Amino acid sequence: MITDAAKRKVIALQVSWAALFLWVARHPFRGRFLLLFTGASMWVGNALTSVSLWRFGHGSTGVVVLNLIVGTTIAGLFAVAYVVGGLLVV
């Protein structure tokens, strides 16, 4: 069961990410470092979720490995976007 406090924290986090991404949309190359921060934090969250699933018996090893592969792929795409954004800045 998700508590009301947890729901409020999730809503606050989503609103803050939305505000951050709106700023980056207006100034795309000044905030490209946020891609690395976002990708890294997504990967860490994904890895912690995978370990939690495995540790408490809610997921098999295959599910955990697949979750880590997908998380690593998405974080890698963020890193590629960071590099490509750096190449586009003159």
PDB file of N, CA and C in Angstrom:
ATOM      1  N   MET A   1       0.849  -1.188   0.000  1.00  0.00           N
ATOM      2  CA  MET A   1       0.000   0.000   0.000  1.00  0.00           C
ATOM      3  C   MET A   1       0.888   1.242   0.000  1.00  0.00           C
ATOM      4  N   ILE A   2       0.601   2.152  -0.895  1.00  0.00           N
ATOM      5  CA  ILE A   2       1.368   3.390  -0.993  1.00  0.00           C
ATOM      6  C   ILE A   2       0.737   4.436  -0.080  1.00  0.00           C
ATOM      7  N   THR A   3       1.549   5.032   0.756  1.00  0.00           N
ATOM      8  CA  THR A   3       1.045   6.032   1.699  1.00  0.00           C
ATOM      9  C   THR A   3       0.854   7.375   0.995  1.00  0.00           C
ATOM     10  N   ASP A   4       0.103   8.251   1.651  1.00  0.00           N
ATOM     11  CA  ASP A   4      -0.119   9.586   1.098  1.00  0.00           C
ATOM     12  C   ASP A   4       1.184  10.380   1.023  1.00  0.00           C
ATOM     13  N   ALA A   5       2.066  10.190   2.000  1.00  0.00           N
ATOM     14  CA  ALA A   5       3.353  10.893   1.988  1.00  0.00           C
ATOM     15  C   ALA A   5       4.176  10.469   0.780  1.00  0.00           C
ATOM     16  N   ALA A   6       4.165   9.181   0.476  1.00  0.00           N
ATOM     17  CA  ALA A   6       4.912   8.689  -0.692  1.00  0.00           C
ATOM     18  C   ALA A   6       4.323   9.252  -1.977  1.00  0.00           C
ATOM     19  N   LYS A   7       3.002   9.337  -2.049  1.00  0.00           N
ATOM     20  CA  LYS A   7       2.354   9.899  -3.241  1.00  0.00           C
ATOM     21  C   LYS A   7       2.749  11.357  -3.429  1.00  0.00           C
ATOM     22  N   ARG A   8       2.793  12.118  -2.333  1.00  0.00           N
ATOM     23  CA  ARG A   8       3.182  13.523  -2.420  1.00  0.00           C
ATOM     24  C   ARG A   8       4.627  13.667  -2.888  1.00  0.00           C
ATOM     25  N   LYS A   9       5.502  12.790  -2.418  1.00  0.00           N
ATOM     26  CA  LYS A   9       6.904  12.846  -2.842  1.00  0.00           C
ATOM     27  C   LYS A   9       7.032  12.531  -4.325  1.00  0.00           C
ATOM     28  N   VAL A  10       6.284  11.564  -4.800  1.00  0.00           N
ATOM     29  CA  VAL A  10       6.322  11.212  -6.217  1.00  0.00           C
ATOM     30  C   VAL A  10       5.802  12.367  -7.062  1.00  0.00           C
ATOM     31  N   ILE A  11       4.731  12.991  -6.642  1.00  0.00           N
ATOM     32  CA  ILE A  11       4.170  14.121  -7.382  1.00  0.00           C
ATOM     33  C   ILE A  11       5.169  15.276  -7.404  1.00  0.00           C
ATOM     34  N   ALA A  12       5.807  15.560  -6.271  1.00  0.00           N
ATOM     35  CA  ALA A  12       6.801  16.636  -6.215  1.00  0.00           C
ATOM     36  C   ALA A  12       7.977  16.336  -7.139  1.00  0.00           C
ATOM     37  N   LEU A  13       8.417  15.094  -7.159  1.00  0.00           N
ATOM     38  CA  LEU A  13       9.523  14.712  -8.024  1.00  0.00           C
ATOM     39  C   LEU A  13       9.143  14.875  -9.494  1.00  0.00           C
ATOM     40  N   GLN A  14       7.949  14.436  -9.868  1.00  0.00           N
ATOM     41  CA  GLN A  14       7.520  14.557 -11.256  1.00  0.00           C
ATOM     42  C   GLN A  14       7.370  16.014 -11.679  1.00  0.00           C
ATOM     43  N   VAL A  15       6.846  16.851 -10.807  1.00  0.00           N
ATOM     44  CA  VAL A  15       6.697  18.276 -11.131  1.00  0.00           C
ATOM     45  C   VAL A  15       8.071  18.929 -11.280  1.00  0.00           C
ATOM     46  N   SER A  16       9.006  18.570 -10.414  1.00  0.00           N
ATOM     47  CA  SER A  16      10.334  19.177 -10.515  1.00  0.00           C
ATOM     48  C   SER A  16      11.047  18.730 -11.795  1.00  0.00           C
ATOM     49  N   TRP A  17      10.908  17.457 -12.189  1.00  0.00           N
ATOM     50  CA  TRP A  17      11.505  16.999 -13.449  1.00  0.00           C
ATOM     51  C   TRP A  17      10.847  17.698 -14.633  1.00  0.00           C
ATOM     52  N   ALA A  18       9.538  17.873 -14.583  1.00  0.00           N
ATOM     53  CA  ALA A  18       8.852  18.556 -15.680  1.00  0.00           C
ATOM     54  C   ALA A  18       9.349  19.992 -15.818  1.00  0.00           C
ATOM     55  N   ALA A  19       9.514  20.693 -14.702  1.00  0.00           N
ATOM     56  CA  ALA A  19      10.018  22.070 -14.742  1.00  0.00           C
ATOM     57  C   ALA A  19      11.442  22.104 -15.290  1.00  0.00           C
ATOM     58  N   LEU A  20      12.257  21.165 -14.879  1.00  0.00           N
ATOM     59  CA  LEU A  20      13.629  21.087 -15.360  1.00  0.00           C
ATOM     60  C   LEU A  20      13.676  20.834 -16.861  1.00  0.00           C
ATOM     61  N   PHE A  21      12.861  19.927 -17.340  1.00  0.00           N
ATOM     62  CA  PHE A  21      12.853  19.630 -18.770  1.00  0.00           C
ATOM     63  C   PHE A  21      12.270  20.780 -19.597  1.00  0.00           C
ATOM     64  N   LEU A  22      11.342  21.543 -19.039  1.00  0.00           N
ATOM     65  CA  LEU A  22      10.851  22.728 -19.742  1.00  0.00           C
ATOM     66  C   LEU A  22      11.967  23.754 -19.884  1.00  0.00           C
ATOM     67  N   TRP A  23      12.786  23.916 -18.843  1.00  0.00           N
ATOM     68  CA  TRP A  23      13.918  24.834 -18.933  1.00  0.00           C
ATOM     69  C   TRP A  23      14.896  24.362 -19.998  1.00  0.00           C
ATOM     70  N   VAL A  24      15.187  23.063 -20.022  1.00  0.00           N
ATOM     71  CA  VAL A  24      16.116  22.516 -21.009  1.00  0.00           C
ATOM     72  C   VAL A  24      15.548  22.676 -22.424  1.00  0.00           C
ATOM     73  N   ALA A  25      14.246  22.558 -22.572  1.00  0.00           N
ATOM     74  CA  ALA A  25      13.636  22.731 -23.889  1.00  0.00           C
ATOM     75  C   ALA A  25      13.828  24.159 -24.402  1.00  0.00           C
ATOM     76  N   ARG A  26      13.832  25.125 -23.498  1.00  0.00           N
ATOM     77  CA  ARG A  26      14.027  26.520 -23.913  1.00  0.00           C
ATOM     78  C   ARG A  26      15.494  26.837 -24.162  1.00  0.00           C
ATOM     79  N   HIS A  27      16.400  26.153 -23.476  1.00  0.00           N
ATOM     80  CA  HIS A  27      17.848  26.364 -23.602  1.00  0.00           C
ATOM     81  C   HIS A  27      18.520  25.005 -23.788  1.00  0.00           C
ATOM     82  N   PRO A  28      18.365  24.417 -24.954  1.00  0.00           N
ATOM     83  CA  PRO A  28      18.740  23.005 -25.105  1.00  0.00           C
ATOM     84  C   PRO A  28      20.209  22.682 -24.884  1.00  0.00           C
ATOM     85  N   PHE A  29      21.133  23.513 -25.297  1.00  0.00           N
ATOM     86  CA  PHE A  29      22.531  23.130 -25.199  1.00  0.00           C
ATOM     87  C   PHE A  29      23.177  23.577 -23.890  1.00  0.00           C
ATOM     88  N   ARG A  30      22.574  24.530 -23.201  1.00  0.00           N
ATOM     89  CA  ARG A  30      23.109  24.922 -21.899  1.00  0.00           C
ATOM     90  C   ARG A  30      22.847  23.849 -20.850  1.00  0.00           C
ATOM     91  N   GLY A  31      21.774  23.110 -21.005  1.00  0.00           N
ATOM     92  CA  GLY A  31      21.412  22.115 -19.995  1.00  0.00           C
ATOM     93  C   GLY A  31      21.674  20.682 -20.408  1.00  0.00           C
ATOM     94  N   ARG A  32      22.544  20.471 -21.389  1.00  0.00           N
ATOM     95  CA  ARG A  32      22.732  19.107 -21.858  1.00  0.00           C
ATOM     96  C   ARG A  32      23.411  18.218 -20.830  1.00  0.00           C
ATOM     97  N   PHE A  33      24.113  18.792 -19.848  1.00  0.00           N
ATOM     98  CA  PHE A  33      24.706  17.982 -18.783  1.00  0.00           C
ATOM     99  C   PHE A  33      23.630  17.258 -17.978  1.00  0.00           C
ATOM    100  N   LEU A  34      22.407  17.792 -18.015  1.00  0.00           N
ATOM    101  CA  LEU A  34      21.304  17.142 -17.307  1.00  0.00           C
ATOM    102  C   LEU A  34      20.990  15.767 -17.889  1.00  0.00           C
ATOM    103  N   LEU A  35      21.345  15.560 -19.157  1.00  0.00           N
ATOM    104  CA  LEU A  35      21.152  14.240 -19.747  1.00  0.00           C
ATOM    105  C   LEU A  35      21.961  13.191 -19.002  1.00  0.00           C
ATOM    106  N   LEU A  36      23.199  13.510 -18.672  1.00  0.00           N
ATOM    107  CA  LEU A  36      24.030  12.561 -17.928  1.00  0.00           C
ATOM    108  C   LEU A  36      23.488  12.329 -16.526  1.00  0.00           C
ATOM    109  N   PHE A  37      23.084  13.402 -15.871  1.00  0.00           N
ATOM    110  CA  PHE A  37      22.523  13.279 -14.525  1.00  0.00           C
ATOM    111  C   PHE A  37      21.257  12.436 -14.544  1.00  0.00           C
ATOM    112  N   THR A  38      20.392  12.700 -15.514  1.00  0.00           N
ATOM    113  CA  THR A  38      19.141  11.960 -15.616  1.00  0.00           C
ATOM    114  C   THR A  38      19.394  10.495 -15.936  1.00  0.00           C
ATOM    115  N   GLY A  39      20.265  10.242 -16.896  1.00  0.00           N
ATOM    116  CA  GLY A  39      20.570   8.857 -17.265  1.00  0.00           C
ATOM    117  C   GLY A  39      21.170   8.080 -16.109  1.00  0.00           C
ATOM    118  N   ALA A  40      22.085   8.711 -15.380  1.00  0.00           N
ATOM    119  CA  ALA A  40      22.722   8.034 -14.246  1.00  0.00           C
ATOM    120  C   ALA A  40      21.714   7.757 -13.132  1.00  0.00           C
ATOM    121  N   SER A  41      20.885   8.740 -12.822  1.00  0.00           N
ATOM    122  CA  SER A  41      19.904   8.534 -11.752  1.00  0.00           C
ATOM    123  C   SER A  41      18.858   7.497 -12.156  1.00  0.00           C
ATOM    124  N   MET A  42      18.481   7.468 -13.430  1.00  0.00           N
ATOM    125  CA  MET A  42      17.547   6.438 -13.900  1.00  0.00           C
ATOM    126  C   MET A  42      18.174   5.057 -13.777  1.00  0.00           C
ATOM    127  N   TRP A  43      19.452   4.941 -14.142  1.00  0.00           N
ATOM    128  CA  TRP A  43      20.113   3.635 -14.075  1.00  0.00           C
ATOM    129  C   TRP A  43      20.229   3.158 -12.631  1.00  0.00           C
ATOM    130  N   VAL A  44      20.607   4.049 -11.716  1.00  0.00           N
ATOM    131  CA  VAL A  44      20.724   3.669 -10.312  1.00  0.00           C
ATOM    132  C   VAL A  44      19.371   3.248  -9.755  1.00  0.00           C
ATOM    133  N   GLY A  45      18.329   4.007 -10.057  1.00  0.00           N
ATOM    134  CA  GLY A  45      16.987   3.641  -9.607  1.00  0.00           C
ATOM    135  C   GLY A  45      16.543   2.304 -10.166  1.00  0.00           C
ATOM    136  N   ASN A  46      16.850   2.074 -11.431  1.00  0.00           N
ATOM    137  CA  ASN A  46      16.505   0.805 -12.069  1.00  0.00           C
ATOM    138  C   ASN A  46      17.267  -0.340 -11.423  1.00  0.00           C
ATOM    139  N   ALA A  47      18.547  -0.150 -11.170  1.00  0.00           N
ATOM    140  CA  ALA A  47      19.360  -1.201 -10.546  1.00  0.00           C
ATOM    141  C   ALA A  47      18.868  -1.507  -9.129  1.00  0.00           C
ATOM    142  N   LEU A  48      18.544  -0.475  -8.365  1.00  0.00           N
ATOM    143  CA  LEU A  48      18.041  -0.697  -7.014  1.00  0.00           C
ATOM    144  C   LEU A  48      16.700  -1.414  -7.024  1.00  0.00           C
ATOM    145  N   THR A  49      15.846  -1.069  -7.985  1.00  0.00           N
ATOM    146  CA  THR A  49      14.567  -1.772  -8.121  1.00  0.00           C
ATOM    147  C   THR A  49      14.787  -3.233  -8.465  1.00  0.00           C
ATOM    148  N   SER A  50      15.730  -3.509  -9.358  1.00  0.00           N
ATOM    149  CA  SER A  50      16.029  -4.889  -9.740  1.00  0.00           C
ATOM    150  C   SER A  50      16.530  -5.695  -8.548  1.00  0.00           C
ATOM    151  N   VAL A  51      17.439  -5.112  -7.783  1.00  0.00           N
ATOM    152  CA  VAL A  51      17.965  -5.805  -6.606  1.00  0.00           C
ATOM    153  C   VAL A  51      16.850  -6.047  -5.591  1.00  0.00           C
ATOM    154  N   SER A  52      15.987  -5.058  -5.421  1.00  0.00           N
ATOM    155  CA  SER A  52      14.871  -5.204  -4.492  1.00  0.00           C
ATOM    156  C   SER A  52      13.928  -6.317  -4.941  1.00  0.00           C
ATOM    157  N   LEU A  53      13.616  -6.355  -6.231  1.00  0.00           N
ATOM    158  CA  LEU A  53      12.748  -7.424  -6.745  1.00  0.00           C
ATOM    159  C   LEU A  53      13.367  -8.794  -6.483  1.00  0.00           C
ATOM    160  N   TRP A  54      14.638  -8.923  -6.763  1.00  0.00           N
ATOM    161  CA  TRP A  54      15.313 -10.204  -6.578  1.00  0.00           C
ATOM    162  C   TRP A  54      15.419 -10.579  -5.099  1.00  0.00           C
ATOM    163  N   ARG A  55      15.780  -9.591  -4.280  1.00  0.00           N
ATOM    164  CA  ARG A  55      16.010  -9.872  -2.858  1.00  0.00           C
ATOM    165  C   ARG A  55      14.746 -10.305  -2.135  1.00  0.00           C
ATOM    166  N   PHE A  56      13.624  -9.698  -2.482  1.00  0.00           N
ATOM    167  CA  PHE A  56      12.382 -10.015  -1.779  1.00  0.00           C
ATOM    168  C   PHE A  56      11.527 -11.043  -2.522  1.00  0.00           C
ATOM    169  N   GLY A  57      12.113 -11.666  -3.534  1.00  0.00           N
ATOM    170  CA  GLY A  57      11.457 -12.783  -4.198  1.00  0.00           C
ATOM    171  C   GLY A  57      10.318 -12.440  -5.125  1.00  0.00           C
ATOM    172  N   HIS A  58      10.273 -11.197  -5.611  1.00  0.00           N
ATOM    173  CA  HIS A  58       9.197 -10.804  -6.513  1.00  0.00           C
ATOM    174  C   HIS A  58       9.580 -10.937  -7.983  1.00  0.00           C
ATOM    175  N   GLY A  59      10.793 -11.338  -8.251  1.00  0.00           N
ATOM    176  CA  GLY A  59      11.223 -11.480  -9.641  1.00  0.00           C
ATOM    177  C   GLY A  59      12.299 -12.547  -9.755  1.00  0.00           C
ATOM    178  N   SER A  60      12.273 -13.259 -10.854  1.00  0.00           N
ATOM    179  CA  SER A  60      13.291 -14.270 -11.084  1.00  0.00           C
ATOM    180  C   SER A  60      14.577 -13.593 -11.552  1.00  0.00           C
ATOM    181  N   THR A  61      15.624 -14.369 -11.658  1.00  0.00           N
ATOM    182  CA  THR A  61      16.903 -13.836 -12.121  1.00  0.00           C
ATOM    183  C   THR A  61      16.782 -13.294 -13.537  1.00  0.00           C
ATOM    184  N   GLY A  62      16.011 -13.981 -14.381  1.00  0.00           N
ATOM    185  CA  GLY A  62      15.809 -13.524 -15.757  1.00  0.00           C
ATOM    186  C   GLY A  62      15.148 -12.157 -15.821  1.00  0.00           C
ATOM    187  N   VAL A  63      14.161 -11.943 -14.968  1.00  0.00           N
ATOM    188  CA  VAL A  63      13.469 -10.644 -14.932  1.00  0.00           C
ATOM    189  C   VAL A  63      14.425  -9.548 -14.484  1.00  0.00           C
ATOM    190  N   VAL A  64      15.236  -9.851 -13.481  1.00  0.00           N
ATOM    191  CA  VAL A  64      16.197  -8.868 -12.970  1.00  0.00           C
ATOM    192  C   VAL A  64      17.222  -8.511 -14.044  1.00  0.00           C
ATOM    193  N   VAL A  65      17.749  -9.511 -14.733  1.00  0.00           N
ATOM    194  CA  VAL A  65      18.743  -9.269 -15.787  1.00  0.00           C
ATOM    195  C   VAL A  65      18.123  -8.465 -16.923  1.00  0.00           C
ATOM    196  N   LEU A  66      16.920  -8.830 -17.335  1.00  0.00           N
ATOM    197  CA  LEU A  66      16.242  -8.089 -18.404  1.00  0.00           C
ATOM    198  C   LEU A  66      16.005  -6.639 -17.998  1.00  0.00           C
ATOM    199  N   ASN A  67      15.590  -6.421 -16.756  1.00  0.00           N
ATOM    200  CA  ASN A  67      15.365  -5.065 -16.256  1.00  0.00           C
ATOM    201  C   ASN A  67      16.663  -4.260 -16.279  1.00  0.00           C
ATOM    202  N   LEU A  68      17.771  -4.880 -15.881  1.00  0.00           N
ATOM    203  CA  LEU A  68      19.065  -4.183 -15.905  1.00  0.00           C
ATOM    204  C   LEU A  68      19.513  -3.889 -17.335  1.00  0.00           C
ATOM    205  N   ILE A  69      19.263  -4.811 -18.256  1.00  0.00           N
ATOM    206  CA  ILE A  69      19.644  -4.572 -19.662  1.00  0.00           C
ATOM    207  C   ILE A  69      18.847  -3.411 -20.236  1.00  0.00           C
ATOM    208  N   VAL A  70      17.554  -3.393 -19.980  1.00  0.00           N
ATOM    209  CA  VAL A  70      16.714  -2.297 -20.493  1.00  0.00           C
ATOM    210  C   VAL A  70      17.139  -0.969 -19.866  1.00  0.00           C
ATOM    211  N   GLY A  71      17.375  -0.951 -18.551  1.00  0.00           N
ATOM    212  CA  GLY A  71      17.817   0.277 -17.878  1.00  0.00           C
ATOM    213  C   GLY A  71      19.147   0.773 -18.396  1.00  0.00           C
ATOM    214  N   THR A  72      20.075  -0.147 -18.633  1.00  0.00           N
ATOM    215  CA  THR A  72      21.381   0.232 -19.165  1.00  0.00           C
ATOM    216  C   THR A  72      21.263   0.775 -20.579  1.00  0.00           C
ATOM    217  N   THR A  73      20.384   0.179 -21.377  1.00  0.00           N
ATOM    218  CA  THR A  73      20.166   0.665 -22.741  1.00  0.00           C
ATOM    219  C   THR A  73      19.607   2.088 -22.737  1.00  0.00           C
ATOM    220  N   ILE A  74      18.632   2.329 -21.899  1.00  0.00           N
ATOM    221  CA  ILE A  74      18.038   3.672 -21.827  1.00  0.00           C
ATOM    222  C   ILE A  74      19.063   4.689 -21.324  1.00  0.00           C
ATOM    223  N   ALA A  75      19.816   4.336 -20.296  1.00  0.00           N
ATOM    224  CA  ALA A  75      20.861   5.248 -19.797  1.00  0.00           C
ATOM    225  C   ALA A  75      21.917   5.495 -20.869  1.00  0.00           C
ATOM    226  N   GLY A  76      22.230   4.466 -21.652  1.00  0.00           N
ATOM    227  CA  GLY A  76      23.174   4.624 -22.763  1.00  0.00           C
ATOM    228  C   GLY A  76      22.660   5.591 -23.815  1.00  0.00           C
ATOM    229  N   LEU A  77      21.365   5.550 -24.076  1.00  0.00           N
ATOM    230  CA  LEU A  77      20.780   6.494 -25.036  1.00  0.00           C
ATOM    231  C   LEU A  77      20.906   7.933 -24.544  1.00  0.00           C
ATOM    232  N   PHE A  78      20.749   8.125 -23.241  1.00  0.00           N
ATOM    233  CA  PHE A  78      20.941   9.465 -22.678  1.00  0.00           C
ATOM    234  C   PHE A  78      22.389   9.913 -22.867  1.00  0.00           C
ATOM    235  N   ALA A  79      23.346   9.001 -22.660  1.00  0.00           N
ATOM    236  CA  ALA A  79      24.756   9.339 -22.848  1.00  0.00           C
ATOM    237  C   ALA A  79      25.052   9.667 -24.309  1.00  0.00           C
ATOM    238  N   VAL A  80      24.461   8.924 -25.233  1.00  0.00           N
ATOM    239  CA  VAL A  80      24.645   9.203 -26.661  1.00  0.00           C
ATOM    240  C   VAL A  80      24.075  10.569 -27.004  1.00  0.00           C
ATOM    241  N   ALA A  81      22.908  10.894 -26.454  1.00  0.00           N
ATOM    242  CA  ALA A  81      22.305  12.205 -26.702  1.00  0.00           C
ATOM    243  C   ALA A  81      23.201  13.328 -26.171  1.00  0.00           C
ATOM    244  N   TYR A  82      23.863  13.091 -25.044  1.00  0.00           N
ATOM    245  CA  TYR A  82      24.796  14.077 -24.497  1.00  0.00           C
ATOM    246  C   TYR A  82      25.960  14.320 -25.456  1.00  0.00           C
ATOM    247  N   VAL A  83      26.524  13.229 -25.975  1.00  0.00           N
ATOM    248  CA  VAL A  83      27.667  13.345 -26.894  1.00  0.00           C
ATOM    249  C   VAL A  83      27.242  14.039 -28.184  1.00  0.00           C
ATOM    250  N   VAL A  84      26.110  13.615 -28.755  1.00  0.00           N
ATOM    251  CA  VAL A  84      25.624  14.209 -30.010  1.00  0.00           C
ATOM    252  C   VAL A  84      25.318  15.696 -29.788  1.00  0.00           C
ATOM    253  N   GLY A  85      24.730  16.032 -28.648  1.00  0.00           N
ATOM    254  CA  GLY A  85      24.466  17.437 -28.346  1.00  0.00           C
ATOM    255  C   GLY A  85      25.736  18.253 -28.271  1.00  0.00           C
ATOM    256  N   GLY A  86      26.822  17.649 -27.785  1.00  0.00           N
ATOM    257  CA  GLY A  86      28.105  18.336 -27.725  1.00  0.00           C
ATOM    258  C   GLY A  86      28.700  18.547 -29.105  1.00  0.00           C
ATOM    259  N   LEU A  87      28.461  17.620 -30.005  1.00  0.00           N
ATOM    260  CA  LEU A  87      28.981  17.750 -31.373  1.00  0.00           C
ATOM    261  C   LEU A  87      28.230  18.817 -32.160  1.00  0.00           C
ATOM    262  N   LEU A  88      26.965  19.048 -31.802  1.00  0.00           N
ATOM    263  CA  LEU A  88      26.153  20.011 -32.532  1.00  0.00           C
ATOM    264  C   LEU A  88      26.428  21.446 -32.112  1.00  0.00           C
ATOM    265  N   VAL A  89      27.024  21.635 -30.933  1.00  0.00           N
ATOM    266  CA  VAL A  89      27.310  22.990 -30.451  1.00  0.00           C
ATOM    267  C   VAL A  89      28.549  23.498 -31.166  1.00  0.00           C
ATOM    268  N   VAL A  90      28.416  24.659 -31.778  1.00  0.00           N
ATOM    269  CA  VAL A  90      29.543  25.217 -32.538  1.00  0.00           C
ATOM    270  C   VAL A  90      30.252  26.240 -31.679  1.00  0.00           C
TER     271      VAL A  90
END
